[in-house]
Amino acid sequence: MAAFEPDGCAHDPSGRHVHRGPDALSAYYAGLFPAGGVPVEPCALVDDGRVCALEHNVVRRDVSQPLRQAALGVFSVGRTGRIAEVRAYGDTAPEGPGTD
């Protein structure tokens, strides 16, 4: 949570929920990543010093549920240089024959 501004927030990929402040962010990320972080393969980065967009592939969400997913994270920098806002976007289509 140290990476976020005190009033920083994260929007979930559905766009329906905003998690604001240290307690809400901590609960959101603990539920999202109960086993810790998520391995990603960075693809492209665009950064103007105020907003950063990182295109990446999620390699695996957790050991019991292998996953390969295209994703995009957009990070806004706040007044102290920490993250003010995160918006996450992901392709949740299943893998396999006949899927794109």
PDB file of N, CA and C in Angstrom:
ATOM      1  N   MET A   1       0.805  -1.185   0.000  1.00  0.00           N
ATOM      2  CA  MET A   1       0.000   0.000   0.000  1.00  0.00           C
ATOM      3  C   MET A   1       0.858   1.264   0.000  1.00  0.00           C
ATOM      4  N   ALA A   2       2.134   1.100   0.287  1.00  0.00           N
ATOM      5  CA  ALA A   2       3.039   2.239   0.307  1.00  0.00           C
ATOM      6  C   ALA A   2       3.208   2.868  -1.069  1.00  0.00           C
ATOM      7  N   ALA A   3       2.891   2.140  -2.122  1.00  0.00           N
ATOM      8  CA  ALA A   3       3.019   2.683  -3.477  1.00  0.00           C
ATOM      9  C   ALA A   3       1.888   3.651  -3.819  1.00  0.00           C
ATOM     10  N   PHE A   4       0.812   3.652  -3.024  1.00  0.00           N
ATOM     11  CA  PHE A   4      -0.360   4.487  -3.301  1.00  0.00           C
ATOM     12  C   PHE A   4      -0.361   5.776  -2.498  1.00  0.00           C
ATOM     13  N   GLU A   5      -0.968   6.805  -3.072  1.00  0.00           N
ATOM     14  CA  GLU A   5      -1.282   8.027  -2.332  1.00  0.00           C
ATOM     15  C   GLU A   5      -2.228   7.637  -1.189  1.00  0.00           C
ATOM     16  N   PRO A   6      -2.296   8.419  -0.108  1.00  0.00           N
ATOM     17  CA  PRO A   6      -3.208   8.089   0.996  1.00  0.00           C
ATOM     18  C   PRO A   6      -4.664   7.919   0.554  1.00  0.00           C
ATOM     19  N   ASP A   7      -5.082   8.677  -0.450  1.00  0.00           N
ATOM     20  CA  ASP A   7      -6.454   8.556  -0.956  1.00  0.00           C
ATOM     21  C   ASP A   7      -6.494   7.850  -2.315  1.00  0.00           C
ATOM     22  N   GLY A   8      -5.423   7.085  -2.617  1.00  0.00           N
ATOM     23  CA  GLY A   8      -5.348   6.384  -3.895  1.00  0.00           C
ATOM     24  C   GLY A   8      -6.467   5.375  -4.061  1.00  0.00           C
ATOM     25  N   CYS A   9      -6.720   5.013  -5.325  1.00  0.00           N
ATOM     26  CA  CYS A   9      -7.804   4.080  -5.586  1.00  0.00           C
ATOM     27  C   CYS A   9      -7.466   3.145  -6.740  1.00  0.00           C
ATOM     28  N   ALA A  10      -8.204   2.036  -6.775  1.00  0.00           N
ATOM     29  CA  ALA A  10      -8.094   1.071  -7.862  1.00  0.00           C
ATOM     30  C   ALA A  10      -9.503   0.751  -8.347  1.00  0.00           C
ATOM     31  N   HIS A  11      -9.661   0.753  -9.658  1.00  0.00           N
ATOM     32  CA  HIS A  11     -10.923   0.366 -10.286  1.00  0.00           C
ATOM     33  C   HIS A  11     -10.779  -1.091 -10.700  1.00  0.00           C
ATOM     34  N   ASP A  12     -11.770  -1.912 -10.374  1.00  0.00           N
ATOM     35  CA  ASP A  12     -11.680  -3.305 -10.802  1.00  0.00           C
ATOM     36  C   ASP A  12     -11.954  -3.391 -12.304  1.00  0.00           C
ATOM     37  N   PRO A  13     -11.572  -4.502 -12.943  1.00  0.00           N
ATOM     38  CA  PRO A  13     -11.727  -4.607 -14.400  1.00  0.00           C
ATOM     39  C   PRO A  13     -13.155  -4.444 -14.903  1.00  0.00           C
ATOM     40  N   SER A  14     -14.154  -4.716 -14.063  1.00  0.00           N
ATOM     41  CA  SER A  14     -15.538  -4.542 -14.503  1.00  0.00           C
ATOM     42  C   SER A  14     -15.904  -3.072 -14.624  1.00  0.00           C
ATOM     43  N   GLY A  15     -15.157  -2.206 -13.921  1.00  0.00           N
ATOM     44  CA  GLY A  15     -15.459  -0.781 -13.921  1.00  0.00           C
ATOM     45  C   GLY A  15     -16.583  -0.404 -12.977  1.00  0.00           C
ATOM     46  N   ARG A  16     -17.129  -1.372 -12.263  1.00  0.00           N
ATOM     47  CA  ARG A  16     -18.265  -1.101 -11.371  1.00  0.00           C
ATOM     48  C   ARG A  16     -17.852  -0.779  -9.940  1.00  0.00           C
ATOM     49  N   HIS A  17     -16.636  -1.151  -9.553  1.00  0.00           N
ATOM     50  CA  HIS A  17     -16.229  -0.979  -8.161  1.00  0.00           C
ATOM     51  C   HIS A  17     -14.929  -0.184  -8.074  1.00  0.00           C
ATOM     52  N   VAL A  18     -14.898   0.756  -7.144  1.00  0.00           N
ATOM     53  CA  VAL A  18     -13.700   1.545  -6.879  1.00  0.00           C
ATOM     54  C   VAL A  18     -13.296   1.264  -5.435  1.00  0.00           C
ATOM     55  N   HIS A  19     -12.027   0.940  -5.239  1.00  0.00           N
ATOM     56  CA  HIS A  19     -11.490   0.629  -3.914  1.00  0.00           C
ATOM     57  C   HIS A  19     -10.549   1.788  -3.549  1.00  0.00           C
ATOM     58  N   ARG A  20     -10.952   2.594  -2.565  1.00  0.00           N
ATOM     59  CA  ARG A  20     -10.222   3.825  -2.242  1.00  0.00           C
ATOM     60  C   ARG A  20      -9.698   3.793  -0.818  1.00  0.00           C
ATOM     61  N   GLY A  21      -8.443   4.221  -0.667  1.00  0.00           N
ATOM     62  CA  GLY A  21      -7.825   4.307   0.652  1.00  0.00           C
ATOM     63  C   GLY A  21      -7.136   3.012   1.030  1.00  0.00           C
ATOM     64  N   PRO A  22      -6.227   3.080   2.001  1.00  0.00           N
ATOM     65  CA  PRO A  22      -5.402   1.926   2.357  1.00  0.00           C
ATOM     66  C   PRO A  22      -6.188   0.683   2.770  1.00  0.00           C
ATOM     67  N   ASP A  23      -7.239   0.844   3.566  1.00  0.00           N
ATOM     68  CA  ASP A  23      -7.994  -0.328   4.023  1.00  0.00           C
ATOM     69  C   ASP A  23      -8.716  -1.015   2.873  1.00  0.00           C
ATOM     70  N   ALA A  24      -9.387  -0.247   2.040  1.00  0.00           N
ATOM     71  CA  ALA A  24     -10.124  -0.814   0.905  1.00  0.00           C
ATOM     72  C   ALA A  24      -9.169  -1.430  -0.116  1.00  0.00           C
ATOM     73  N   LEU A  25      -8.056  -0.754  -0.378  1.00  0.00           N
ATOM     74  CA  LEU A  25      -7.076  -1.294  -1.329  1.00  0.00           C
ATOM     75  C   LEU A  25      -6.462  -2.591  -0.809  1.00  0.00           C
ATOM     76  N   SER A  26      -6.116  -2.609   0.460  1.00  0.00           N
ATOM     77  CA  SER A  26      -5.517  -3.801   1.050  1.00  0.00           C
ATOM     78  C   SER A  26      -6.484  -4.987   0.979  1.00  0.00           C
ATOM     79  N   ALA A  27      -7.725  -4.769   1.312  1.00  0.00           N
ATOM     80  CA  ALA A  27      -8.727  -5.840   1.259  1.00  0.00           C
ATOM     81  C   ALA A  27      -8.946  -6.307  -0.185  1.00  0.00           C
ATOM     82  N   TYR A  28      -9.012  -5.370  -1.114  1.00  0.00           N
ATOM     83  CA  TYR A  28      -9.219  -5.714  -2.525  1.00  0.00           C
ATOM     84  C   TYR A  28      -8.079  -6.580  -3.056  1.00  0.00           C
ATOM     85  N   TYR A  29      -6.846  -6.120  -2.864  1.00  0.00           N
ATOM     86  CA  TYR A  29      -5.699  -6.867  -3.397  1.00  0.00           C
ATOM     87  C   TYR A  29      -5.464  -8.183  -2.648  1.00  0.00           C
ATOM     88  N   ALA A  30      -5.752  -8.241  -1.353  1.00  0.00           N
ATOM     89  CA  ALA A  30      -5.617  -9.501  -0.610  1.00  0.00           C
ATOM     90  C   ALA A  30      -6.602 -10.538  -1.146  1.00  0.00           C
ATOM     91  N   GLY A  31      -7.806 -10.112  -1.497  1.00  0.00           N
ATOM     92  CA  GLY A  31      -8.785 -11.019  -2.068  1.00  0.00           C
ATOM     93  C   GLY A  31      -8.464 -11.414  -3.492  1.00  0.00           C
ATOM     94  N   LEU A  32      -7.899 -10.487  -4.230  1.00  0.00           N
ATOM     95  CA  LEU A  32      -7.574 -10.725  -5.634  1.00  0.00           C
ATOM     96  C   LEU A  32      -6.356 -11.633  -5.784  1.00  0.00           C
ATOM     97  N   PHE A  33      -5.378 -11.457  -4.916  1.00  0.00           N
ATOM     98  CA  PHE A  33      -4.119 -12.209  -4.988  1.00  0.00           C
ATOM     99  C   PHE A  33      -3.808 -12.874  -3.650  1.00  0.00           C
ATOM    100  N   PRO A  34      -4.592 -13.864  -3.241  1.00  0.00           N
ATOM    101  CA  PRO A  34      -4.365 -14.466  -1.923  1.00  0.00           C
ATOM    102  C   PRO A  34      -3.007 -15.145  -1.787  1.00  0.00           C
ATOM    103  N   ALA A  35      -2.415 -15.573  -2.904  1.00  0.00           N
ATOM    104  CA  ALA A  35      -1.116 -16.255  -2.847  1.00  0.00           C
ATOM    105  C   ALA A  35       0.043 -15.294  -3.114  1.00  0.00           C
ATOM    106  N   GLY A  36      -0.224 -13.999  -3.199  1.00  0.00           N
ATOM    107  CA  GLY A  36       0.824 -13.022  -3.471  1.00  0.00           C
ATOM    108  C   GLY A  36       0.658 -12.408  -4.849  1.00  0.00           C
ATOM    109  N   GLY A  37       1.765 -11.980  -5.447  1.00  0.00           N
ATOM    110  CA  GLY A  37       1.738 -11.295  -6.732  1.00  0.00           C
ATOM    111  C   GLY A  37       1.375 -12.194  -7.898  1.00  0.00           C
ATOM    112  N   VAL A  38       1.373 -11.604  -9.068  1.00  0.00           N
ATOM    113  CA  VAL A  38       1.013 -12.305 -10.295  1.00  0.00           C
ATOM    114  C   VAL A  38       2.147 -12.140 -11.301  1.00  0.00           C
ATOM    115  N   PRO A  39       2.672 -13.244 -11.832  1.00  0.00           N
ATOM    116  CA  PRO A  39       3.710 -13.130 -12.855  1.00  0.00           C
ATOM    117  C   PRO A  39       3.139 -12.529 -14.140  1.00  0.00           C
ATOM    118  N   VAL A  40       3.843 -11.568 -14.695  1.00  0.00           N
ATOM    119  CA  VAL A  40       3.407 -10.943 -15.941  1.00  0.00           C
ATOM    120  C   VAL A  40       4.574 -10.865 -16.919  1.00  0.00           C
ATOM    121  N   GLU A  41       4.233 -10.827 -18.200  1.00  0.00           N
ATOM    122  CA  GLU A  41       5.207 -10.572 -19.261  1.00  0.00           C
ATOM    123  C   GLU A  41       4.920  -9.181 -19.803  1.00  0.00           C
ATOM    124  N   PRO A  42       5.776  -8.196 -19.541  1.00  0.00           N
ATOM    125  CA  PRO A  42       5.555  -6.859 -20.083  1.00  0.00           C
ATOM    126  C   PRO A  42       5.616  -6.884 -21.607  1.00  0.00           C
ATOM    127  N   CYS A  43       4.738  -6.131 -22.238  1.00  0.00           N
ATOM    128  CA  CYS A  43       4.716  -6.054 -23.704  1.00  0.00           C
ATOM    129  C   CYS A  43       5.075  -4.651 -24.191  1.00  0.00           C
ATOM    130  N   ALA A  44       4.336  -3.655 -23.721  1.00  0.00           N
ATOM    131  CA  ALA A  44       4.577  -2.284 -24.154  1.00  0.00           C
ATOM    132  C   ALA A  44       4.294  -1.342 -22.993  1.00  0.00           C
ATOM    133  N   LEU A  45       5.036  -0.240 -22.957  1.00  0.00           N
ATOM    134  CA  LEU A  45       4.889   0.754 -21.905  1.00  0.00           C
ATOM    135  C   LEU A  45       4.850   2.141 -22.533  1.00  0.00           C
ATOM    136  N   VAL A  46       3.880   2.935 -22.110  1.00  0.00           N
ATOM    137  CA  VAL A  46       3.785   4.331 -22.510  1.00  0.00           C
ATOM    138  C   VAL A  46       3.714   5.136 -21.218  1.00  0.00           C
ATOM    139  N   ASP A  47       4.599   6.133 -21.083  1.00  0.00           N
ATOM    140  CA  ASP A  47       4.674   6.877 -19.832  1.00  0.00           C
ATOM    141  C   ASP A  47       5.020   8.329 -20.145  1.00  0.00           C
ATOM    142  N   ASP A  48       4.168   9.251 -19.705  1.00  0.00           N
ATOM    143  CA  ASP A  48       4.467  10.673 -19.912  1.00  0.00           C
ATOM    144  C   ASP A  48       4.851  11.369 -18.610  1.00  0.00           C
ATOM    145  N   GLY A  49       5.078  10.580 -17.540  1.00  0.00           N
ATOM    146  CA  GLY A  49       5.450  11.155 -16.255  1.00  0.00           C
ATOM    147  C   GLY A  49       4.260  11.415 -15.341  1.00  0.00           C
ATOM    148  N   ARG A  50       3.072  11.466 -15.903  1.00  0.00           N
ATOM    149  CA  ARG A  50       1.849  11.663 -15.114  1.00  0.00           C
ATOM    150  C   ARG A  50       0.945  10.442 -15.156  1.00  0.00           C
ATOM    151  N   VAL A  51       0.904   9.811 -16.345  1.00  0.00           N
ATOM    152  CA  VAL A  51       0.086   8.614 -16.544  1.00  0.00           C
ATOM    153  C   VAL A  51       0.947   7.583 -17.263  1.00  0.00           C
ATOM    154  N   CYS A  52       0.841   6.341 -16.818  1.00  0.00           N
ATOM    155  CA  CYS A  52       1.612   5.246 -17.401  1.00  0.00           C
ATOM    156  C   CYS A  52       0.642   4.142 -17.787  1.00  0.00           C
ATOM    157  N   ALA A  53       0.783   3.612 -18.990  1.00  0.00           N
ATOM    158  CA  ALA A  53      -0.019   2.475 -19.427  1.00  0.00           C
ATOM    159  C   ALA A  53       0.926   1.317 -19.710  1.00  0.00           C
ATOM    160  N   LEU A  54       0.650   0.172 -19.083  1.00  0.00           N
ATOM    161  CA  LEU A  54       1.475  -1.014 -19.259  1.00  0.00           C
ATOM    162  C   LEU A  54       0.626  -2.130 -19.855  1.00  0.00           C
ATOM    163  N   GLU A  55       0.936  -2.500 -21.089  1.00  0.00           N
ATOM    164  CA  GLU A  55       0.313  -3.656 -21.721  1.00  0.00           C
ATOM    165  C   GLU A  55       1.136  -4.872 -21.312  1.00  0.00           C
ATOM    166  N   HIS A  56       0.457  -5.939 -20.903  1.00  0.00           N
ATOM    167  CA  HIS A  56       1.184  -7.113 -20.421  1.00  0.00           C
ATOM    168  C   HIS A  56       0.336  -8.369 -20.562  1.00  0.00           C
ATOM    169  N   ASN A  57       0.989  -9.507 -20.427  1.00  0.00           N
ATOM    170  CA  ASN A  57       0.307 -10.800 -20.381  1.00  0.00           C
ATOM    171  C   ASN A  57       0.409 -11.322 -18.962  1.00  0.00           C
ATOM    172  N   VAL A  58      -0.730 -11.684 -18.392  1.00  0.00           N
ATOM    173  CA  VAL A  58      -0.734 -12.376 -17.109  1.00  0.00           C
ATOM    174  C   VAL A  58      -0.425 -13.833 -17.421  1.00  0.00           C
ATOM    175  N   VAL A  59       0.631 -14.348 -16.830  1.00  0.00           N
ATOM    176  CA  VAL A  59       1.071 -15.701 -17.135  1.00  0.00           C
ATOM    177  C   VAL A  59       0.286 -16.720 -16.323  1.00  0.00           C
ATOM    178  N   ARG A  60       0.023 -16.396 -15.058  1.00  0.00           N
ATOM    179  CA  ARG A  60      -0.648 -17.353 -14.182  1.00  0.00           C
ATOM    180  C   ARG A  60      -1.247 -16.577 -13.028  1.00  0.00           C
ATOM    181  N   ARG A  61      -2.515 -16.828 -12.721  1.00  0.00           N
ATOM    182  CA  ARG A  61      -3.127 -16.149 -11.583  1.00  0.00           C
ATOM    183  C   ARG A  61      -2.790 -16.861 -10.289  1.00  0.00           C
ATOM    184  N   ASP A  62      -2.918 -18.173 -10.253  1.00  0.00           N
ATOM    185  CA  ASP A  62      -2.432 -18.955  -9.120  1.00  0.00           C
ATOM    186  C   ASP A  62      -2.168 -20.373  -9.610  1.00  0.00           C
ATOM    187  N   VAL A  63      -1.522 -21.142  -8.798  1.00  0.00           N
ATOM    188  CA  VAL A  63      -1.067 -22.467  -9.204  1.00  0.00           C
ATOM    189  C   VAL A  63      -2.238 -23.374  -9.580  1.00  0.00           C
ATOM    190  N   SER A  64      -3.357 -23.264  -8.894  1.00  0.00           N
ATOM    191  CA  SER A  64      -4.488 -24.152  -9.160  1.00  0.00           C
ATOM    192  C   SER A  64      -5.278 -23.749 -10.400  1.00  0.00           C
ATOM    193  N   GLN A  65      -5.104 -22.532 -10.884  1.00  0.00           N
ATOM    194  CA  GLN A  65      -5.842 -22.060 -12.047  1.00  0.00           C
ATOM    195  C   GLN A  65      -4.892 -21.426 -13.053  1.00  0.00           C
ATOM    196  N   PRO A  66      -4.205 -22.245 -13.866  1.00  0.00           N
ATOM    197  CA  PRO A  66      -3.301 -21.662 -14.861  1.00  0.00           C
ATOM    198  C   PRO A  66      -4.077 -20.725 -15.779  1.00  0.00           C
ATOM    199  N   LEU A  67      -3.456 -19.634 -16.141  1.00  0.00           N
ATOM    200  CA  LEU A  67      -4.133 -18.632 -16.947  1.00  0.00           C
ATOM    201  C   LEU A  67      -3.119 -17.877 -17.780  1.00  0.00           C
ATOM    202  N   ARG A  68      -3.488 -17.569 -18.984  1.00  0.00           N
ATOM    203  CA  ARG A  68      -2.705 -16.658 -19.822  1.00  0.00           C
ATOM    204  C   ARG A  68      -3.698 -15.649 -20.334  1.00  0.00           C
ATOM    205  N   GLN A  69      -3.497 -14.395 -19.999  1.00  0.00           N
ATOM    206  CA  GLN A  69      -4.491 -13.374 -20.251  1.00  0.00           C
ATOM    207  C   GLN A  69      -3.822 -12.071 -20.664  1.00  0.00           C
ATOM    208  N   ALA A  70      -4.308 -11.459 -21.742  1.00  0.00           N
ATOM    209  CA  ALA A  70      -3.838 -10.141 -22.133  1.00  0.00           C
ATOM    210  C   ALA A  70      -4.451  -9.113 -21.188  1.00  0.00           C
ATOM    211  N   ALA A  71      -3.673  -8.119 -20.798  1.00  0.00           N
ATOM    212  CA  ALA A  71      -4.171  -7.130 -19.848  1.00  0.00           C
ATOM    213  C   ALA A  71      -3.504  -5.777 -20.081  1.00  0.00           C
ATOM    214  N   LEU A  72      -4.123  -4.760 -19.499  1.00  0.00           N
ATOM    215  CA  LEU A  72      -3.597  -3.396 -19.567  1.00  0.00           C
ATOM    216  C   LEU A  72      -3.826  -2.748 -18.216  1.00  0.00           C
ATOM    217  N   GLY A  73      -2.805  -2.140 -17.679  1.00  0.00           N
ATOM    218  CA  GLY A  73      -2.931  -1.372 -16.445  1.00  0.00           C
ATOM    219  C   GLY A  73      -2.607   0.074 -16.741  1.00  0.00           C
ATOM    220  N   VAL A  74      -3.457   0.974 -16.274  1.00  0.00           N
ATOM    221  CA  VAL A  74      -3.233   2.409 -16.455  1.00  0.00           C
ATOM    222  C   VAL A  74      -3.081   3.012 -15.064  1.00  0.00           C
ATOM    223  N   PHE A  75      -1.951   3.661 -14.839  1.00  0.00           N
ATOM    224  CA  PHE A  75      -1.592   4.186 -13.534  1.00  0.00           C
ATOM    225  C   PHE A  75      -1.437   5.701 -13.613  1.00  0.00           C
ATOM    226  N   SER A  76      -2.143   6.436 -12.749  1.00  0.00           N
ATOM    227  CA  SER A  76      -2.003   7.889 -12.649  1.00  0.00           C
ATOM    228  C   SER A  76      -1.152   8.211 -11.433  1.00  0.00           C
ATOM    229  N   VAL A  77      -0.237   9.140 -11.599  1.00  0.00           N
ATOM    230  CA  VAL A  77       0.660   9.540 -10.513  1.00  0.00           C
ATOM    231  C   VAL A  77       0.039  10.709  -9.759  1.00  0.00           C
ATOM    232  N   GLY A  78       0.107  10.638  -8.424  1.00  0.00           N
ATOM    233  CA  GLY A  78      -0.458  11.683  -7.577  1.00  0.00           C
ATOM    234  C   GLY A  78       0.533  12.770  -7.218  1.00  0.00           C
ATOM    235  N   ARG A  79       0.118  13.633  -6.330  1.00  0.00           N
ATOM    236  CA  ARG A  79       0.903  14.824  -5.966  1.00  0.00           C
ATOM    237  C   ARG A  79       2.233  14.513  -5.289  1.00  0.00           C
ATOM    238  N   THR A  80       2.365  13.333  -4.658  1.00  0.00           N
ATOM    239  CA  THR A  80       3.630  12.983  -3.998  1.00  0.00           C
ATOM    240  C   THR A  80       4.454  11.996  -4.815  1.00  0.00           C
ATOM    241  N   GLY A  81       4.015  11.718  -6.046  1.00  0.00           N
ATOM    242  CA  GLY A  81       4.752  10.804  -6.908  1.00  0.00           C
ATOM    243  C   GLY A  81       4.360   9.349  -6.755  1.00  0.00           C
ATOM    244  N   ARG A  82       3.388   9.077  -5.884  1.00  0.00           N
ATOM    245  CA  ARG A  82       2.899   7.711  -5.719  1.00  0.00           C
ATOM    246  C   ARG A  82       1.652   7.510  -6.588  1.00  0.00           C
ATOM    247  N   ILE A  83       1.144   6.292  -6.618  1.00  0.00           N
ATOM    248  CA  ILE A  83      -0.006   5.976  -7.462  1.00  0.00           C
ATOM    249  C   ILE A  83      -1.264   6.619  -6.885  1.00  0.00           C
ATOM    250  N   ALA A  84      -1.933   7.409  -7.715  1.00  0.00           N
ATOM    251  CA  ALA A  84      -3.199   8.020  -7.317  1.00  0.00           C
ATOM    252  C   ALA A  84      -4.382   7.159  -7.744  1.00  0.00           C
ATOM    253  N   GLU A  85      -4.245   6.517  -8.899  1.00  0.00           N
ATOM    254  CA  GLU A  85      -5.366   5.753  -9.440  1.00  0.00           C
ATOM    255  C   GLU A  85      -4.854   4.654 -10.359  1.00  0.00           C
ATOM    256  N   VAL A  86      -5.483   3.490 -10.270  1.00  0.00           N
ATOM    257  CA  VAL A  86      -5.176   2.361 -11.145  1.00  0.00           C
ATOM    258  C   VAL A  86      -6.472   1.921 -11.812  1.00  0.00           C
ATOM    259  N   ARG A  87      -6.382   1.715 -13.111  1.00  0.00           N
ATOM    260  CA  ARG A  87      -7.486   1.105 -13.853  1.00  0.00           C
ATOM    261  C   ARG A  87      -6.922  -0.131 -14.540  1.00  0.00           C
ATOM    262  N   ALA A  88      -7.593  -1.259 -14.330  1.00  0.00           N
ATOM    263  CA  ALA A  88      -7.132  -2.524 -14.902  1.00  0.00           C
ATOM    264  C   ALA A  88      -8.131  -3.004 -15.941  1.00  0.00           C
ATOM    265  N   TYR A  89      -7.600  -3.495 -17.046  1.00  0.00           N
ATOM    266  CA  TYR A  89      -8.423  -4.036 -18.122  1.00  0.00           C
ATOM    267  C   TYR A  89      -7.842  -5.381 -18.507  1.00  0.00           C
ATOM    268  N   GLY A  90      -8.689  -6.380 -18.723  1.00  0.00           N
ATOM    269  CA  GLY A  90      -8.185  -7.696 -19.071  1.00  0.00           C
ATOM    270  C   GLY A  90      -9.099  -8.435 -20.018  1.00  0.00           C
ATOM    271  N   ASP A  91      -8.495  -9.353 -20.764  1.00  0.00           N
ATOM    272  CA  ASP A  91      -9.217 -10.244 -21.656  1.00  0.00           C
ATOM    273  C   ASP A  91      -9.458 -11.527 -20.888  1.00  0.00           C
ATOM    274  N   THR A  92     -10.695 -11.787 -20.531  1.00  0.00           N
ATOM    275  CA  THR A  92     -10.994 -12.951 -19.695  1.00  0.00           C
ATOM    276  C   THR A  92     -11.552 -14.123 -20.502  1.00  0.00           C
ATOM    277  N   ALA A  93     -11.428 -14.085 -21.820  1.00  0.00           N
ATOM    278  CA  ALA A  93     -11.907 -15.199 -22.643  1.00  0.00           C
ATOM    279  C   ALA A  93     -11.098 -16.439 -22.337  1.00  0.00           C
ATOM    280  N   PRO A  94     -11.734 -17.613 -22.297  1.00  0.00           N
ATOM    281  CA  PRO A  94     -10.981 -18.848 -22.035  1.00  0.00           C
ATOM    282  C   PRO A  94     -10.056 -19.184 -23.181  1.00  0.00           C
ATOM    283  N   GLU A  95      -8.977 -19.873 -22.850  1.00  0.00           N
ATOM    284  CA  GLU A  95      -8.052 -20.327 -23.882  1.00  0.00           C
ATOM    285  C   GLU A  95      -8.550 -21.610 -24.498  1.00  0.00           C
ATOM    286  N   GLY A  96      -8.034 -21.910 -25.641  1.00  0.00           N
ATOM    287  CA  GLY A  96      -8.341 -23.189 -26.263  1.00  0.00           C
ATOM    288  C   GLY A  96      -8.800 -23.026 -27.689  1.00  0.00           C
ATOM    289  N   PRO A  97      -8.987 -24.147 -28.391  1.00  0.00           N
ATOM    290  CA  PRO A  97      -9.426 -24.097 -29.774  1.00  0.00           C
ATOM    291  C   PRO A  97     -10.750 -23.354 -29.916  1.00  0.00           C
ATOM    292  N   GLY A  98     -10.802 -22.520 -30.925  1.00  0.00           N
ATOM    293  CA  GLY A  98     -12.041 -21.800 -31.195  1.00  0.00           C
ATOM    294  C   GLY A  98     -12.224 -20.536 -30.410  1.00  0.00           C
ATOM    295  N   THR A  99     -11.238 -20.158 -29.579  1.00  0.00           N
ATOM    296  CA  THR A  99     -11.334 -18.902 -28.840  1.00  0.00           C
ATOM    297  C   THR A  99     -10.304 -17.939 -29.364  1.00  0.00           C
ATOM    298  N   ASP A 100     -10.618 -16.673 -29.284  1.00  0.00           N
ATOM    299  CA  ASP A 100      -9.681 -15.633 -29.745  1.00  0.00           C
ATOM    300  C   ASP A 100      -9.167 -14.855 -28.567  1.00  0.00           C
TER     301      ASP A 100
END
